[in-house]
N, C-alpha and C. Protein backbone atom coordinates (compact mmCIF):
# COMPACT_ATOMS: atom_id res chain seq x y z
N MET A 1 154.25 32.42 11.40
CA MET A 1 155.62 32.08 11.71
C MET A 1 155.90 30.65 11.25
N ILE A 2 157.01 30.48 10.57
CA ILE A 2 157.43 29.16 10.08
C ILE A 2 158.78 28.83 10.69
N THR A 3 158.84 27.68 11.34
CA THR A 3 160.06 27.20 11.96
C THR A 3 160.51 25.93 11.23
N VAL A 4 161.80 25.83 10.97
CA VAL A 4 162.36 24.66 10.29
C VAL A 4 163.38 24.02 11.22
N THR A 5 163.22 22.73 11.48
CA THR A 5 164.19 22.04 12.33
C THR A 5 165.53 21.94 11.60
N GLU A 6 166.57 21.72 12.34
CA GLU A 6 167.93 21.61 11.77
C GLU A 6 168.00 20.51 10.72
N GLU A 7 167.40 19.35 11.01
CA GLU A 7 167.43 18.23 10.07
C GLU A 7 166.70 18.57 8.77
N ALA A 8 165.55 19.22 8.89
CA ALA A 8 164.78 19.60 7.70
C ALA A 8 165.54 20.65 6.89
N ARG A 9 166.15 21.60 7.55
CA ARG A 9 166.91 22.64 6.86
C ARG A 9 168.09 22.01 6.10
N LYS A 10 168.79 21.07 6.72
CA LYS A 10 169.91 20.41 6.05
C LYS A 10 169.45 19.66 4.80
N GLU A 11 168.30 19.00 4.91
CA GLU A 11 167.77 18.26 3.76
C GLU A 11 167.39 19.21 2.62
N LEU A 12 166.76 20.33 2.96
CA LEU A 12 166.41 21.32 1.93
C LEU A 12 167.67 21.93 1.31
N GLU A 13 168.66 22.23 2.12
CA GLU A 13 169.91 22.78 1.59
C GLU A 13 170.60 21.77 0.68
N ALA A 14 170.55 20.49 1.03
CA ALA A 14 171.13 19.45 0.17
C ALA A 14 170.37 19.37 -1.16
N TYR A 15 169.06 19.51 -1.11
CA TYR A 15 168.26 19.48 -2.34
C TYR A 15 168.66 20.63 -3.26
N PHE A 16 168.84 21.82 -2.69
CA PHE A 16 169.16 23.00 -3.50
C PHE A 16 170.66 23.15 -3.77
N ALA A 17 171.48 22.23 -3.35
CA ALA A 17 172.93 22.35 -3.49
C ALA A 17 173.36 22.61 -4.93
N ASP A 18 172.73 21.97 -5.89
CA ASP A 18 173.10 22.15 -7.29
C ASP A 18 171.98 22.78 -8.11
N LYS A 19 171.06 23.47 -7.43
CA LYS A 19 169.93 24.12 -8.08
C LYS A 19 169.79 25.55 -7.58
N GLU A 20 169.09 26.35 -8.34
CA GLU A 20 168.76 27.69 -7.87
C GLU A 20 167.73 27.56 -6.75
N LYS A 21 167.96 28.28 -5.65
CA LYS A 21 167.02 28.23 -4.54
C LYS A 21 165.75 28.99 -4.91
N THR A 22 164.64 28.28 -4.85
CA THR A 22 163.34 28.89 -5.09
C THR A 22 162.54 28.82 -3.80
N PRO A 23 161.53 29.68 -3.65
CA PRO A 23 160.71 29.65 -2.44
C PRO A 23 159.97 28.32 -2.28
N VAL A 24 159.76 27.95 -1.03
CA VAL A 24 159.03 26.73 -0.68
C VAL A 24 157.69 27.15 -0.11
N ARG A 25 156.61 26.65 -0.72
CA ARG A 25 155.26 26.99 -0.26
C ARG A 25 154.76 25.96 0.73
N VAL A 26 154.13 26.44 1.80
CA VAL A 26 153.36 25.59 2.72
C VAL A 26 151.92 25.74 2.25
N TYR A 27 151.27 24.62 1.94
CA TYR A 27 149.90 24.69 1.42
C TYR A 27 149.03 23.60 2.03
N LEU A 28 147.74 23.75 1.86
CA LEU A 28 146.78 22.78 2.38
C LEU A 28 146.51 21.75 1.29
N ALA A 29 146.93 20.52 1.53
CA ALA A 29 146.75 19.43 0.57
C ALA A 29 145.57 18.58 0.99
N PRO A 30 144.84 18.04 0.03
CA PRO A 30 143.75 17.15 0.39
C PRO A 30 144.31 15.89 1.04
N GLY A 31 143.59 15.36 1.99
CA GLY A 31 144.03 14.14 2.66
C GLY A 31 143.10 13.00 2.32
N GLY A 32 143.50 11.84 2.69
CA GLY A 32 142.65 10.67 2.51
C GLY A 32 141.69 10.56 3.67
N CYS A 33 141.78 9.48 4.37
CA CYS A 33 140.89 9.22 5.51
C CYS A 33 141.06 10.25 6.62
N GLY A 34 142.27 10.78 6.76
CA GLY A 34 142.57 11.68 7.87
C GLY A 34 142.23 13.13 7.61
N GLY A 35 141.72 13.46 6.44
CA GLY A 35 141.38 14.84 6.14
C GLY A 35 142.56 15.61 5.58
N PRO A 36 142.42 16.92 5.46
CA PRO A 36 143.47 17.73 4.84
C PRO A 36 144.74 17.75 5.69
N ARG A 37 145.86 18.07 5.04
CA ARG A 37 147.14 18.15 5.74
C ARG A 37 147.96 19.27 5.12
N LEU A 38 148.93 19.77 5.85
CA LEU A 38 149.84 20.77 5.31
C LEU A 38 150.96 20.04 4.57
N ALA A 39 151.38 20.62 3.45
CA ALA A 39 152.43 20.01 2.63
C ALA A 39 153.34 21.11 2.07
N LEU A 40 154.39 20.70 1.37
CA LEU A 40 155.37 21.62 0.80
C LEU A 40 155.41 21.47 -0.72
N ALA A 41 155.67 22.59 -1.40
CA ALA A 41 155.87 22.59 -2.84
C ALA A 41 156.76 23.77 -3.20
N LEU A 42 157.42 23.70 -4.34
CA LEU A 42 158.20 24.83 -4.81
C LEU A 42 157.25 25.78 -5.54
N ASP A 43 157.26 27.06 -5.14
CA ASP A 43 156.32 28.01 -5.71
C ASP A 43 156.75 29.43 -5.36
N GLU A 44 156.44 30.36 -6.23
CA GLU A 44 156.72 31.78 -5.98
C GLU A 44 155.59 32.38 -5.14
N PRO A 45 155.92 33.26 -4.19
CA PRO A 45 154.88 33.92 -3.40
C PRO A 45 154.07 34.89 -4.25
N GLY A 46 152.81 35.04 -3.88
CA GLY A 46 151.91 35.99 -4.54
C GLY A 46 151.50 37.07 -3.57
N GLU A 47 150.63 37.92 -4.01
CA GLU A 47 150.21 39.05 -3.17
C GLU A 47 149.37 38.62 -1.97
N ASP A 48 148.79 37.43 -2.02
CA ASP A 48 147.98 36.93 -0.90
C ASP A 48 148.79 36.08 0.07
N ASP A 49 150.12 36.12 -0.06
CA ASP A 49 150.99 35.29 0.75
C ASP A 49 151.79 36.12 1.74
N GLU A 50 152.20 35.46 2.82
CA GLU A 50 153.22 36.02 3.69
C GLU A 50 154.45 35.15 3.50
N THR A 51 155.61 35.74 3.71
CA THR A 51 156.85 35.00 3.52
C THR A 51 157.66 35.00 4.81
N ALA A 52 158.53 34.01 4.92
CA ALA A 52 159.43 33.89 6.07
C ALA A 52 160.77 33.42 5.55
N GLU A 53 161.83 33.89 6.17
CA GLU A 53 163.19 33.50 5.79
C GLU A 53 163.77 32.62 6.90
N ASP A 54 164.51 31.60 6.50
CA ASP A 54 165.24 30.76 7.43
C ASP A 54 166.60 30.50 6.80
N ASN A 55 167.63 31.18 7.29
CA ASN A 55 168.95 31.18 6.65
C ASN A 55 168.77 31.64 5.21
N ASP A 56 169.15 30.86 4.24
CA ASP A 56 169.01 31.25 2.83
C ASP A 56 167.75 30.67 2.19
N LEU A 57 166.84 30.15 2.98
CA LEU A 57 165.62 29.55 2.45
C LEU A 57 164.44 30.51 2.64
N THR A 58 163.58 30.59 1.62
CA THR A 58 162.38 31.42 1.69
C THR A 58 161.17 30.50 1.69
N PHE A 59 160.25 30.77 2.59
CA PHE A 59 159.00 30.01 2.68
C PHE A 59 157.84 30.98 2.49
N CYS A 60 156.75 30.48 1.87
CA CYS A 60 155.56 31.30 1.73
C CYS A 60 154.33 30.48 2.09
N ILE A 61 153.30 31.19 2.54
CA ILE A 61 152.04 30.57 2.92
C ILE A 61 150.94 31.60 2.69
N ASN A 62 149.81 31.17 2.23
CA ASN A 62 148.67 32.05 2.05
C ASN A 62 148.32 32.70 3.39
N LYS A 63 148.08 34.00 3.38
CA LYS A 63 147.82 34.74 4.62
C LYS A 63 146.61 34.19 5.37
N GLU A 64 145.55 33.87 4.65
CA GLU A 64 144.35 33.33 5.29
C GLU A 64 144.62 31.97 5.94
N LEU A 65 145.36 31.12 5.24
CA LEU A 65 145.72 29.81 5.79
C LEU A 65 146.61 30.00 7.01
N ALA A 66 147.56 30.92 6.95
CA ALA A 66 148.45 31.18 8.08
C ALA A 66 147.67 31.58 9.32
N GLN A 67 146.63 32.38 9.16
CA GLN A 67 145.81 32.77 10.31
C GLN A 67 145.06 31.58 10.89
N LYS A 68 144.62 30.67 10.04
CA LYS A 68 143.86 29.50 10.48
C LYS A 68 144.71 28.46 11.20
N VAL A 69 145.98 28.31 10.77
CA VAL A 69 146.81 27.24 11.32
C VAL A 69 147.79 27.71 12.38
N GLY A 70 148.04 29.02 12.48
CA GLY A 70 149.00 29.53 13.46
C GLY A 70 150.43 29.19 13.05
N ALA A 71 151.29 29.04 14.03
CA ALA A 71 152.70 28.75 13.76
C ALA A 71 152.83 27.39 13.07
N VAL A 72 153.79 27.29 12.16
CA VAL A 72 154.03 26.08 11.40
C VAL A 72 155.45 25.60 11.68
N THR A 73 155.61 24.29 11.88
CA THR A 73 156.93 23.69 12.08
C THR A 73 157.15 22.63 11.01
N ILE A 74 158.29 22.73 10.34
CA ILE A 74 158.66 21.75 9.32
C ILE A 74 159.76 20.87 9.89
N THR A 75 159.47 19.57 9.94
CA THR A 75 160.42 18.60 10.48
C THR A 75 160.73 17.56 9.41
N LEU A 76 161.72 16.73 9.67
CA LEU A 76 162.09 15.66 8.76
C LEU A 76 162.01 14.35 9.52
N THR A 77 161.32 13.37 8.94
CA THR A 77 161.24 12.04 9.52
C THR A 77 161.79 11.05 8.50
N TYR A 78 161.81 9.79 8.84
CA TYR A 78 162.27 8.77 7.91
C TYR A 78 161.38 8.68 6.67
N MET A 79 160.17 9.23 6.76
CA MET A 79 159.23 9.20 5.63
C MET A 79 159.26 10.49 4.82
N GLY A 80 160.03 11.48 5.23
CA GLY A 80 160.09 12.75 4.50
C GLY A 80 159.71 13.91 5.39
N PHE A 81 159.36 15.02 4.76
CA PHE A 81 159.00 16.22 5.50
C PHE A 81 157.62 16.10 6.13
N VAL A 82 157.50 16.62 7.34
CA VAL A 82 156.22 16.69 8.03
C VAL A 82 156.00 18.16 8.37
N VAL A 83 154.81 18.66 8.04
CA VAL A 83 154.47 20.06 8.31
C VAL A 83 153.35 20.06 9.34
N GLU A 84 153.66 20.57 10.53
CA GLU A 84 152.70 20.58 11.63
C GLU A 84 152.26 22.00 11.93
N SER A 85 151.01 22.15 12.32
CA SER A 85 150.48 23.47 12.64
C SER A 85 150.18 23.58 14.13
N GLU A 86 150.28 24.82 14.61
CA GLU A 86 149.98 25.11 16.01
C GLU A 86 148.51 24.83 16.31
N ILE A 87 147.64 25.23 15.38
CA ILE A 87 146.19 25.01 15.52
C ILE A 87 145.86 23.79 14.65
N PRO A 88 145.36 22.72 15.25
CA PRO A 88 145.09 21.51 14.48
C PRO A 88 144.10 21.75 13.34
N LEU A 89 144.33 21.07 12.24
CA LEU A 89 143.43 21.13 11.10
C LEU A 89 142.19 20.31 11.40
N PRO A 90 141.05 20.70 10.83
CA PRO A 90 139.86 19.88 11.01
C PRO A 90 140.10 18.50 10.42
N ASN A 91 139.65 17.48 11.10
CA ASN A 91 139.85 16.11 10.65
C ASN A 91 138.49 15.48 10.43
N SER A 92 138.10 15.42 9.17
CA SER A 92 136.77 14.92 8.86
C SER A 92 136.66 13.42 8.98
N GLY A 93 137.77 12.71 8.86
CA GLY A 93 137.67 11.26 8.83
C GLY A 93 138.13 10.57 10.08
N GLY A 94 138.83 11.21 10.95
CA GLY A 94 139.27 10.58 12.19
C GLY A 94 140.50 9.72 12.06
N GLY A 95 141.23 9.83 10.96
CA GLY A 95 142.45 9.05 10.80
C GLY A 95 142.22 7.79 10.01
N CYS A 96 143.30 7.11 9.69
CA CYS A 96 143.21 5.93 8.84
C CYS A 96 142.35 4.83 9.43
N SER A 97 142.32 4.72 10.73
CA SER A 97 141.53 3.63 11.31
C SER A 97 140.04 3.85 11.12
N SER A 98 139.64 5.07 10.72
CA SER A 98 138.22 5.31 10.52
C SER A 98 137.72 4.75 9.19
N CYS A 99 138.62 4.21 8.38
CA CYS A 99 138.24 3.67 7.08
C CYS A 99 137.73 2.24 7.19
N CYS A 100 137.29 1.86 8.34
CA CYS A 100 136.75 0.52 8.53
C CYS A 100 137.78 -0.54 8.16
N GLY A 101 138.92 -0.51 8.77
CA GLY A 101 139.94 -1.48 8.51
C GLY A 101 141.29 -0.83 8.26
N GLY A 102 141.29 0.47 8.13
CA GLY A 102 142.56 1.17 7.95
C GLY A 102 142.96 1.29 6.49
N CYS A 103 143.94 2.14 6.24
CA CYS A 103 144.41 2.34 4.88
C CYS A 103 145.01 1.05 4.34
N GLY A 104 144.73 0.78 3.08
CA GLY A 104 145.26 -0.41 2.44
C GLY A 104 144.42 -1.64 2.73
N SER A 105 143.39 -1.48 3.53
CA SER A 105 142.55 -2.62 3.89
C SER A 105 141.44 -2.77 2.86
N SER A 106 141.14 -4.00 2.49
CA SER A 106 140.04 -4.23 1.56
C SER A 106 138.74 -4.50 2.32
N GLY A 107 138.83 -4.56 3.64
CA GLY A 107 137.64 -4.83 4.45
C GLY A 107 136.76 -3.61 4.55
N GLY A 108 135.49 -3.81 4.60
CA GLY A 108 134.55 -2.70 4.73
C GLY A 108 133.99 -2.64 6.14
N CYS A 109 133.14 -1.67 6.37
CA CYS A 109 132.50 -1.53 7.67
C CYS A 109 131.41 -2.59 7.81
N ASN A 110 131.33 -3.16 8.97
CA ASN A 110 130.27 -4.16 9.22
C ASN A 110 129.13 -3.53 9.96
C-alpha cells in the first residue's frame, strides 16, 4: 500500500502539469552512512511490480521490496520528497553521526 500526503500529491501534480503523467517508482536507493533508503524515480512497472493509484498518479514498487517494507508513505518536506516505510529498513551505519564526526566532517574516528 502506498499513501501520498496532500502536499506531496500537489507537488507531483505540479510537476506533471505540462508533461505526460508517467508512473512513479518507489525503489531502494543506496545510502551513505545511514544505509539504504527508499526513493522515487519515473519508471514503467514490470511484471515483478505491484502498482497503486492515487487520484491520477500511478506508483509502482517491486513486489519483494513491498513485502519487506510494508506500507509506504510519501511526504513532502522543505528538502523534497521523503519516502517512509512501515517496517524500518536495516541501517548498517547508524546514521550520519556514526561517520566519526558526521556527514561533511573531515574528522576521523579517534
